[in-house]
Amino acid sequence: MAAQVHTQLMPVKREPYRGSDILHDPVSTVDPEAFEIMKKEKGRQRRGLELIASENFTSKAVMDALASAMCNKYSEGYPGARFAL
């Protein structure tokens, strides 16, 4: 018989968005809790040395590219034979 896994759920504090423009406001305004988690993770990465290749420190150029409008696009396959959602 397989063992059952029970995961305790964490309470989520849901509040209506009170910023001025959710599409243009920074993450620190839109989701302060997520912003604090991101800041802590960035600090953790700066203080330590990851020996796992897939978890290396990303350059500013890569972080900028990942935060660009180019990441608003999605496609699969090859040109002329794509499956797009």
N, C-alpha and C. Protein backbone atom coordinates (compact mmCIF):
# COMPACT_ATOMS: atom_id res chain seq x y z
N MET A 1 0.85 -1.18 0.00
CA MET A 1 0.00 0.00 0.00
C MET A 1 0.89 1.25 0.00
N ALA A 2 0.57 2.18 -0.84
CA ALA A 2 1.36 3.41 -0.95
C ALA A 2 1.12 4.31 0.24
N ALA A 3 2.17 4.96 0.68
CA ALA A 3 2.05 5.89 1.79
C ALA A 3 1.35 7.16 1.33
N GLN A 4 0.56 7.71 2.21
CA GLN A 4 -0.13 8.96 1.89
C GLN A 4 0.73 10.13 2.35
N VAL A 5 0.76 11.15 1.54
CA VAL A 5 1.50 12.36 1.87
C VAL A 5 0.51 13.46 2.20
N HIS A 6 0.70 14.08 3.33
CA HIS A 6 -0.17 15.18 3.73
C HIS A 6 0.66 16.45 3.79
N THR A 7 0.25 17.44 3.06
CA THR A 7 0.94 18.72 3.05
C THR A 7 0.06 19.76 3.72
N GLN A 8 0.63 20.41 4.71
CA GLN A 8 -0.12 21.45 5.40
C GLN A 8 -0.20 22.68 4.51
N LEU A 9 -1.39 23.21 4.33
CA LEU A 9 -1.57 24.39 3.51
C LEU A 9 -1.24 25.64 4.31
N MET A 10 -0.62 26.58 3.64
CA MET A 10 -0.30 27.84 4.29
C MET A 10 -1.43 28.83 4.01
N PRO A 11 -1.81 29.61 5.01
CA PRO A 11 -2.87 30.59 4.76
C PRO A 11 -2.38 31.67 3.80
N VAL A 12 -3.28 32.13 2.96
CA VAL A 12 -2.96 33.17 1.99
C VAL A 12 -3.75 34.42 2.34
N LYS A 13 -3.04 35.52 2.45
CA LYS A 13 -3.70 36.78 2.75
C LYS A 13 -4.07 37.43 1.42
N ARG A 14 -5.35 37.46 1.11
CA ARG A 14 -5.80 38.04 -0.16
C ARG A 14 -6.43 39.41 0.11
N GLU A 15 -5.91 40.38 -0.60
CA GLU A 15 -6.43 41.73 -0.47
C GLU A 15 -6.64 42.31 -1.86
N PRO A 16 -7.64 43.18 -2.01
CA PRO A 16 -7.83 43.80 -3.32
C PRO A 16 -6.63 44.68 -3.68
N TYR A 17 -6.30 44.75 -4.95
CA TYR A 17 -5.16 45.55 -5.41
C TYR A 17 -5.49 47.02 -5.23
N ARG A 18 -4.59 47.73 -4.57
CA ARG A 18 -4.83 49.14 -4.27
C ARG A 18 -3.87 50.08 -5.02
N GLY A 19 -3.08 49.53 -5.92
CA GLY A 19 -2.15 50.35 -6.69
C GLY A 19 -2.88 51.14 -7.76
N SER A 20 -2.12 51.86 -8.57
CA SER A 20 -2.74 52.70 -9.59
C SER A 20 -2.93 51.97 -10.92
N ASP A 21 -2.00 51.08 -11.28
CA ASP A 21 -2.08 50.42 -12.58
C ASP A 21 -1.35 49.08 -12.51
N ILE A 22 -2.07 48.00 -12.38
CA ILE A 22 -1.46 46.68 -12.18
C ILE A 22 -0.57 46.26 -13.35
N LEU A 23 -0.82 46.79 -14.55
CA LEU A 23 0.02 46.43 -15.70
C LEU A 23 1.32 47.21 -15.75
N HIS A 24 1.42 48.32 -15.03
CA HIS A 24 2.61 49.15 -15.09
C HIS A 24 3.31 49.31 -13.74
N ASP A 25 2.65 48.98 -12.66
CA ASP A 25 3.27 49.10 -11.34
C ASP A 25 4.34 48.03 -11.14
N PRO A 26 5.39 48.34 -10.38
CA PRO A 26 6.44 47.35 -10.13
C PRO A 26 5.95 46.23 -9.21
N VAL A 27 6.64 45.11 -9.24
CA VAL A 27 6.25 43.96 -8.42
C VAL A 27 6.24 44.33 -6.93
N SER A 28 7.08 45.28 -6.52
CA SER A 28 7.09 45.70 -5.12
C SER A 28 5.76 46.31 -4.71
N THR A 29 5.03 46.89 -5.65
CA THR A 29 3.71 47.45 -5.38
C THR A 29 2.62 46.42 -5.59
N VAL A 30 2.72 45.65 -6.66
CA VAL A 30 1.68 44.67 -7.01
C VAL A 30 1.64 43.53 -6.01
N ASP A 31 2.81 43.00 -5.62
CA ASP A 31 2.86 41.87 -4.69
C ASP A 31 4.08 42.02 -3.77
N PRO A 32 3.93 42.82 -2.71
CA PRO A 32 5.05 43.07 -1.81
C PRO A 32 5.63 41.80 -1.19
N GLU A 33 4.80 40.82 -0.92
CA GLU A 33 5.29 39.57 -0.32
C GLU A 33 6.20 38.82 -1.30
N ALA A 34 5.78 38.72 -2.56
CA ALA A 34 6.62 38.06 -3.57
C ALA A 34 7.91 38.85 -3.78
N PHE A 35 7.83 40.18 -3.74
CA PHE A 35 9.01 41.02 -3.91
C PHE A 35 10.02 40.76 -2.79
N GLU A 36 9.55 40.63 -1.56
CA GLU A 36 10.45 40.34 -0.44
C GLU A 36 11.11 38.97 -0.60
N ILE A 37 10.35 37.99 -1.07
CA ILE A 37 10.90 36.66 -1.31
C ILE A 37 11.98 36.73 -2.39
N MET A 38 11.73 37.50 -3.46
CA MET A 38 12.73 37.65 -4.53
C MET A 38 13.99 38.33 -4.02
N LYS A 39 13.84 39.35 -3.18
CA LYS A 39 15.01 40.03 -2.61
C LYS A 39 15.83 39.08 -1.74
N LYS A 40 15.14 38.29 -0.92
CA LYS A 40 15.84 37.32 -0.06
C LYS A 40 16.57 36.27 -0.89
N GLU A 41 15.94 35.81 -1.96
CA GLU A 41 16.58 34.80 -2.82
C GLU A 41 17.80 35.38 -3.51
N LYS A 42 17.71 36.62 -3.97
CA LYS A 42 18.86 37.27 -4.61
C LYS A 42 20.02 37.38 -3.61
N GLY A 43 19.71 37.75 -2.37
CA GLY A 43 20.74 37.82 -1.34
C GLY A 43 21.34 36.47 -1.03
N ARG A 44 20.50 35.44 -0.97
CA ARG A 44 20.99 34.08 -0.71
C ARG A 44 21.95 33.65 -1.81
N GLN A 45 21.61 33.96 -3.06
CA GLN A 45 22.47 33.58 -4.17
C GLN A 45 23.79 34.34 -4.13
N ARG A 46 23.77 35.59 -3.71
CA ARG A 46 25.00 36.39 -3.64
C ARG A 46 25.93 35.90 -2.53
N ARG A 47 25.36 35.39 -1.44
CA ARG A 47 26.17 34.95 -0.30
C ARG A 47 26.75 33.56 -0.46
N GLY A 48 26.18 32.75 -1.34
CA GLY A 48 26.60 31.35 -1.45
C GLY A 48 27.18 31.02 -2.81
N LEU A 49 27.70 29.82 -2.89
CA LEU A 49 28.25 29.30 -4.14
C LEU A 49 27.49 28.03 -4.49
N GLU A 50 26.75 28.07 -5.58
CA GLU A 50 26.00 26.90 -6.02
C GLU A 50 26.90 26.01 -6.85
N LEU A 51 26.98 24.75 -6.51
CA LEU A 51 27.81 23.81 -7.25
C LEU A 51 26.99 22.96 -8.22
N ILE A 52 25.73 23.33 -8.40
CA ILE A 52 24.84 22.65 -9.35
C ILE A 52 24.78 23.53 -10.59
N ALA A 53 25.19 23.00 -11.73
CA ALA A 53 25.29 23.80 -12.96
C ALA A 53 23.98 24.48 -13.34
N SER A 54 22.87 23.82 -13.14
CA SER A 54 21.59 24.40 -13.53
C SER A 54 21.12 25.50 -12.58
N GLU A 55 21.85 25.73 -11.50
CA GLU A 55 21.46 26.75 -10.52
C GLU A 55 22.54 27.81 -10.37
N ASN A 56 23.20 28.14 -11.47
CA ASN A 56 24.25 29.15 -11.39
C ASN A 56 23.66 30.55 -11.33
N PHE A 57 24.49 31.53 -11.08
CA PHE A 57 24.05 32.92 -10.96
C PHE A 57 23.85 33.51 -12.35
N THR A 58 22.72 34.12 -12.59
CA THR A 58 22.38 34.65 -13.90
C THR A 58 22.89 36.08 -14.04
N SER A 59 23.44 36.40 -15.20
CA SER A 59 23.96 37.75 -15.44
C SER A 59 22.82 38.77 -15.54
N LYS A 60 23.16 40.04 -15.36
CA LYS A 60 22.18 41.12 -15.48
C LYS A 60 21.58 41.15 -16.87
N ALA A 61 22.41 40.91 -17.90
CA ALA A 61 21.91 40.91 -19.28
C ALA A 61 20.83 39.85 -19.47
N VAL A 62 21.04 38.66 -18.92
CA VAL A 62 20.04 37.59 -19.03
C VAL A 62 18.79 37.95 -18.25
N MET A 63 18.95 38.48 -17.05
CA MET A 63 17.79 38.89 -16.25
C MET A 63 16.99 39.96 -16.99
N ASP A 64 17.67 40.92 -17.62
CA ASP A 64 16.99 41.96 -18.39
C ASP A 64 16.23 41.35 -19.57
N ALA A 65 16.85 40.41 -20.26
CA ALA A 65 16.20 39.76 -21.41
C ALA A 65 14.96 38.98 -20.96
N LEU A 66 15.06 38.30 -19.83
CA LEU A 66 13.92 37.52 -19.33
C LEU A 66 12.78 38.41 -18.86
N ALA A 67 13.09 39.65 -18.53
CA ALA A 67 12.06 40.59 -18.09
C ALA A 67 11.59 41.48 -19.23
N SER A 68 11.96 41.17 -20.46
CA SER A 68 11.61 42.02 -21.60
C SER A 68 10.29 41.58 -22.23
N ALA A 69 9.83 42.40 -23.17
CA ALA A 69 8.60 42.09 -23.90
C ALA A 69 8.73 40.83 -24.74
N MET A 70 9.96 40.39 -25.00
CA MET A 70 10.15 39.16 -25.78
C MET A 70 9.59 37.94 -25.04
N CYS A 71 9.46 38.02 -23.74
CA CYS A 71 8.93 36.89 -22.97
C CYS A 71 7.40 36.85 -22.99
N ASN A 72 6.76 37.80 -23.65
CA ASN A 72 5.30 37.79 -23.79
C ASN A 72 4.86 36.86 -24.92
N LYS A 73 5.80 36.32 -25.65
CA LYS A 73 5.50 35.48 -26.82
C LYS A 73 5.66 34.00 -26.46
N TYR A 74 4.89 33.17 -27.14
CA TYR A 74 4.99 31.73 -26.93
C TYR A 74 4.75 31.03 -28.26
N SER A 75 5.58 30.09 -28.59
CA SER A 75 5.34 29.26 -29.77
C SER A 75 6.09 27.95 -29.61
N GLU A 76 5.64 26.94 -30.32
CA GLU A 76 6.28 25.63 -30.32
C GLU A 76 6.51 25.20 -31.76
N GLY A 77 7.51 24.39 -31.96
CA GLY A 77 7.75 23.83 -33.28
C GLY A 77 8.70 24.66 -34.11
N TYR A 78 8.62 24.48 -35.41
CA TYR A 78 9.51 25.13 -36.36
C TYR A 78 8.74 26.15 -37.19
N PRO A 79 9.42 27.17 -37.76
CA PRO A 79 8.72 28.12 -38.62
C PRO A 79 7.98 27.39 -39.75
N GLY A 80 6.75 27.75 -39.96
CA GLY A 80 5.93 27.10 -40.99
C GLY A 80 5.21 25.87 -40.49
N ALA A 81 5.58 25.38 -39.33
CA ALA A 81 4.93 24.19 -38.75
C ALA A 81 4.82 24.37 -37.24
N ARG A 82 4.24 25.48 -36.83
CA ARG A 82 4.17 25.80 -35.41
C ARG A 82 2.83 25.41 -34.80
N PHE A 83 2.90 25.13 -33.53
CA PHE A 83 1.69 24.96 -32.73
C PHE A 83 1.72 26.09 -31.72
N ALA A 84 0.82 27.02 -31.81
CA ALA A 84 0.79 28.16 -30.89
C ALA A 84 -0.50 28.13 -30.10
N LEU A 85 -0.39 28.53 -28.85
CA LEU A 85 -1.58 28.60 -27.99
C LEU A 85 -2.18 29.97 -28.02
